C-alpha cells in the first residue's frame, strides 16, 4: 500500500510541475495564480501547498531537475578524467537541451538565474551552492591534471565558464545562434578561448570555421 501511495504522490507532483511549466510559459510566472495552477493540474489548491509552499518552490523544483539532469548526463557520458573542455561541453550542452525543451519556460528560468529580483533565499542558495560545487570539483580535477594553472581560483573560474554558457544560451534566444549545432560550435569556441587564457598553453583549434563565419556574418548584419 505504501508503494501505491508513493507512486500516487510522484504522479501528483509531476502533474503540478507539468501544469506549472505550461502556465508559466503561457501567462508568465507572476501572471499565474495558485488557483489557476490547481485547476490546470486537476488538484485542489490545498494539495499544491502540500507539495510546494509557494510558486518559487515550484520554480526551484524545475531548476533542481535541470542540475540533476546535467550532472547525471556528465557522469553517464564521460570519464571523470576526460579533458576539461569535453566535460564542460557535455555539462553545458545537457543544460541547454534541458532548458530549451520548452522555449518560453527556458527563457524564464535563464532570466531568473541570470537576473534574480533579489538575493537567493535558503533553498535557492543551496541549489546554487550544489551546482557551483559540482563544477568546482570538475575544475579541481582538471587542475590536478595540469589543465588549469595552479594559481587559478576555482570559484572565479566557475563563474567565468558559466557566464560563457549563459552567453551562448542568450545567443540562441536572440536568434544569433539558430540551432543546436551553432550553439555547440559557439560555446566550444568561447570555452577554448577561456582555457587558452587559463591553461599552461593553448592546445585546441577553432571548430567548424564555416559555422562560426556564418554566425559572425549574421551578427554583423543586425
Protein backbone atom coordinates (compact mmCIF):
# COMPACT_ATOMS: atom_id res chain seq x y z
CA UNK A 1 0.00 0.00 0.00
CA UNK A 2 2.84 2.39 0.82
CA UNK A 3 4.25 1.79 -2.66
CA UNK A 4 0.94 2.78 -4.24
CA UNK A 5 0.78 5.96 -2.14
CA UNK A 6 4.35 6.86 -3.09
CA UNK A 7 3.58 6.34 -6.78
CA UNK A 8 0.45 8.49 -6.45
CA UNK A 9 2.45 11.27 -4.82
CA UNK A 10 5.01 11.17 -7.62
CA UNK A 11 2.23 11.38 -10.21
CA UNK A 12 0.61 14.33 -8.44
CA UNK A 13 3.91 16.17 -8.13
CA UNK A 14 4.63 15.56 -11.80
CA UNK A 15 1.16 16.84 -12.77
CA UNK A 16 1.74 20.04 -10.77
CA UNK A 17 5.15 20.63 -12.35
CA UNK A 18 3.84 19.99 -15.87
CA UNK A 19 0.92 22.35 -15.31
CA UNK A 20 3.30 24.99 -13.95
CA UNK A 21 5.57 24.58 -16.95
CA UNK A 22 2.63 25.16 -19.28
CA UNK A 23 1.09 28.09 -17.40
CA UNK A 24 4.36 29.88 -16.64
CA UNK A 25 5.15 29.67 -20.35
CA UNK A 26 1.72 30.96 -21.42
CA UNK A 27 1.00 33.58 -18.75
CA UNK A 28 4.36 34.25 -17.15
CA UNK A 29 5.49 33.43 -13.64
CA UNK A 30 3.93 36.49 -12.00
CA UNK A 31 0.72 36.17 -14.02
CA UNK A 32 -0.04 32.63 -12.86
CA UNK A 33 -2.03 32.18 -9.65
CA UNK A 34 -2.03 29.11 -7.44
CA UNK A 35 -5.77 28.73 -8.14
CA UNK A 36 -5.13 28.53 -11.89
CA UNK A 37 -2.30 26.12 -11.31
CA UNK A 38 -4.52 23.86 -9.20
CA UNK A 39 -7.20 23.76 -11.91
CA UNK A 40 -4.66 23.02 -14.63
CA UNK A 41 -3.12 20.21 -12.58
CA UNK A 42 -6.52 18.76 -11.69
CA UNK A 43 -5.95 19.00 -7.94
CA UNK A 44 -7.15 21.17 -5.08
CA UNK A 45 -5.28 24.31 -4.11
CA UNK A 46 -4.56 22.78 -0.71
CA UNK A 47 -2.97 19.78 -2.41
CA UNK A 48 -0.46 22.03 -4.17
CA UNK A 49 0.55 23.58 -0.85
CA UNK A 50 1.13 20.07 0.44
CA UNK A 51 3.91 19.73 -2.14
CA UNK A 52 5.09 23.31 -2.62
CA UNK A 53 4.77 26.20 -0.17
CA UNK A 54 4.87 28.85 -2.91
CA UNK A 55 5.33 29.33 -6.65
CA UNK A 56 9.01 29.95 -6.05
CA UNK A 57 9.34 26.40 -4.73
CA UNK A 58 7.79 25.03 -7.92
CA UNK A 59 10.25 27.02 -9.99
CA UNK A 60 13.15 25.79 -7.84
CA UNK A 61 12.00 22.19 -8.26
CA UNK A 62 12.35 22.57 -12.01
CA UNK A 63 15.80 24.16 -11.61
CA UNK A 64 16.80 21.28 -9.35
CA UNK A 65 15.79 18.81 -12.05
CA UNK A 66 17.97 20.74 -14.52
CA UNK A 67 21.03 20.50 -12.25
CA UNK A 68 20.47 16.80 -11.58
CA UNK A 69 19.98 16.09 -15.28
CA UNK A 70 23.17 17.94 -16.25
CA UNK A 71 25.44 16.20 -13.76
CA UNK A 72 23.83 12.81 -14.35
CA UNK A 73 24.46 13.21 -18.08
CA UNK A 74 28.07 14.16 -17.35
CA UNK A 75 28.57 11.12 -15.10
CA UNK A 76 26.98 8.73 -17.58
CA UNK A 77 28.68 10.13 -20.68
CA UNK A 78 32.28 10.89 -19.76
CA UNK A 79 35.05 9.53 -17.58
CA UNK A 80 35.81 11.84 -14.61
CA UNK A 81 39.31 12.24 -16.01
CA UNK A 82 38.17 13.21 -19.52
CA UNK A 83 39.61 16.50 -20.85
CA UNK A 84 38.13 19.55 -19.14
CA UNK A 85 36.85 21.01 -22.41
CA UNK A 86 34.77 17.90 -23.13
CA UNK A 87 33.41 17.78 -19.59
CA UNK A 88 32.32 21.42 -19.73
CA UNK A 89 30.78 20.95 -23.18
CA UNK A 90 28.83 17.89 -22.01
CA UNK A 91 27.63 19.67 -18.88
CA UNK A 92 26.55 22.90 -20.56
CA UNK A 93 25.03 21.30 -23.66
CA UNK A 94 22.95 18.98 -21.46
CA UNK A 95 21.72 22.08 -19.62
CA UNK A 96 20.94 23.72 -22.94
CA UNK A 97 18.97 20.66 -24.06
CA UNK A 98 17.03 20.63 -20.79
CA UNK A 99 16.03 24.29 -20.61
CA UNK A 100 15.14 24.59 -24.30
CA UNK A 101 12.67 21.69 -24.26
CA UNK A 102 10.13 24.41 -23.54
CA UNK A 103 11.13 27.65 -25.22
CA UNK A 104 9.30 30.14 -23.02
CA UNK A 105 9.88 28.45 -19.68
CA UNK A 106 13.55 28.07 -20.52
CA UNK A 107 13.70 31.81 -21.17
CA UNK A 108 12.06 32.50 -17.81
CA UNK A 109 14.46 30.20 -15.99
CA UNK A 110 17.53 31.70 -17.66
CA UNK A 111 16.34 35.22 -16.83
CA UNK A 112 15.63 34.42 -13.20
CA UNK A 113 19.01 32.73 -12.78
CA UNK A 114 20.99 35.47 -14.52
CA UNK A 115 18.99 38.44 -13.21
CA UNK A 116 17.19 37.48 -9.99
CA UNK A 117 14.93 40.07 -8.40
CA UNK A 118 16.57 39.58 -5.01
CA UNK A 119 19.43 37.63 -3.41
CA UNK A 120 18.85 33.88 -3.38
CA UNK A 121 16.99 32.67 -0.26
CA UNK A 122 17.55 29.37 1.57
CA UNK A 123 16.71 26.55 -0.84
CA UNK A 124 17.73 28.52 -3.92
CA UNK A 125 21.11 29.28 -2.34
CA UNK A 126 21.56 25.60 -1.51
CA UNK A 127 20.86 24.67 -5.13
CA UNK A 128 23.32 27.26 -6.41
CA UNK A 129 25.96 26.03 -3.97
CA UNK A 130 25.42 22.45 -5.12
CA UNK A 131 25.81 23.46 -8.74
CA UNK A 132 28.93 25.53 -8.10
CA UNK A 133 30.41 22.73 -6.03
CA UNK A 134 29.80 20.26 -8.87
CA UNK A 135 31.59 22.43 -11.42
CA UNK A 136 34.27 23.20 -8.86
CA UNK A 137 35.04 19.50 -8.46
CA UNK A 138 35.40 19.17 -12.24
CA UNK A 139 37.80 22.12 -12.28
CA UNK A 140 39.83 20.85 -9.32
CA UNK A 141 40.38 17.52 -11.06
CA UNK A 142 41.45 19.40 -14.18
CA UNK A 143 43.87 21.45 -12.10
CA UNK A 144 45.35 18.22 -10.75
CA UNK A 145 45.92 17.05 -14.34
CA UNK A 146 47.67 20.32 -15.21
CA UNK A 147 44.87 21.63 -17.45
CA UNK A 148 44.46 24.77 -15.34
CA UNK A 149 47.10 26.94 -13.75
CA UNK A 150 47.78 26.14 -10.12
CA UNK A 151 47.13 29.75 -9.17
CA UNK A 152 43.72 29.95 -10.85
CA UNK A 153 40.85 30.36 -8.39
CA UNK A 154 38.19 27.69 -8.83
CA UNK A 155 35.32 29.93 -7.72
CA UNK A 156 36.03 32.64 -10.28
CA UNK A 157 36.83 30.12 -12.99
CA UNK A 158 33.43 28.51 -12.34
CA UNK A 159 31.72 31.88 -12.77
CA UNK A 160 33.73 32.54 -15.91
CA UNK A 161 32.71 29.29 -17.59
CA UNK A 162 29.08 29.54 -16.51
CA UNK A 163 28.90 33.08 -17.89
CA UNK A 164 30.04 31.74 -21.26
CA UNK A 165 27.21 29.20 -21.15
CA UNK A 166 24.72 31.99 -20.46
CA UNK A 167 26.14 34.00 -23.38
CA UNK A 168 25.60 31.01 -25.67
CA UNK A 169 22.07 30.44 -24.36
CA UNK A 170 21.27 34.13 -24.80
CA UNK A 171 22.62 33.99 -28.35
CA UNK A 172 20.20 31.18 -29.14
CA UNK A 173 17.22 33.04 -27.70
CA UNK A 174 18.22 36.21 -29.56
CA UNK A 175 18.45 34.31 -32.84
CA UNK A 176 22.18 34.80 -33.44
CA UNK A 177 22.66 31.05 -32.95
CA UNK A 178 19.91 29.33 -34.91
CA UNK A 179 20.21 25.69 -33.91
CA UNK A 180 21.95 23.31 -31.53
CA UNK A 181 24.88 22.82 -33.90
CA UNK A 182 25.65 26.54 -33.88
CA UNK A 183 25.24 26.77 -30.11
CA UNK A 184 27.69 23.90 -29.69
CA UNK A 185 30.23 25.43 -32.08
CA UNK A 186 29.95 28.86 -30.49
CA UNK A 187 30.20 27.54 -26.94
CA UNK A 188 33.19 25.36 -27.78
CA UNK A 189 34.98 28.39 -29.22
CA UNK A 190 34.27 30.51 -26.13
CA UNK A 191 35.49 27.74 -23.82
CA UNK A 192 38.64 27.15 -25.87
CA UNK A 193 39.48 30.85 -25.73
CA UNK A 194 38.97 30.84 -21.96
CA UNK A 195 41.06 27.71 -21.49
CA UNK A 196 43.84 29.09 -23.64
CA UNK A 197 43.99 32.01 -21.23
CA UNK A 198 43.82 29.88 -18.07
CA UNK A 199 45.76 26.83 -19.20
CA UNK A 200 49.53 26.41 -19.38
CA UNK A 201 49.42 26.59 -23.17
CA UNK A 202 46.87 26.59 -25.97
CA UNK A 203 46.31 23.16 -27.47
CA UNK A 204 42.90 23.33 -29.15
CA UNK A 205 41.94 24.67 -32.55
CA UNK A 206 38.78 26.52 -33.51
CA UNK A 207 35.94 24.17 -34.57
CA UNK A 208 33.89 24.36 -37.78
CA UNK A 209 35.17 27.71 -39.05
CA UNK A 210 32.41 27.88 -41.68
CA UNK A 211 29.74 27.74 -38.96
CA UNK A 212 31.50 30.43 -36.95
CA UNK A 213 31.77 32.66 -40.03
CA UNK A 214 28.02 32.31 -40.66
CA UNK A 215 27.26 33.30 -37.08
CA UNK A 216 29.57 36.33 -37.27
CA UNK A 217 28.04 37.49 -40.58
CA UNK A 218 24.54 37.22 -39.12
CA UNK A 219 25.60 39.25 -36.09
CA UNK A 220 27.19 41.94 -38.31
CA UNK A 221 24.00 42.21 -40.37
CA UNK A 222 21.82 43.07 -37.37
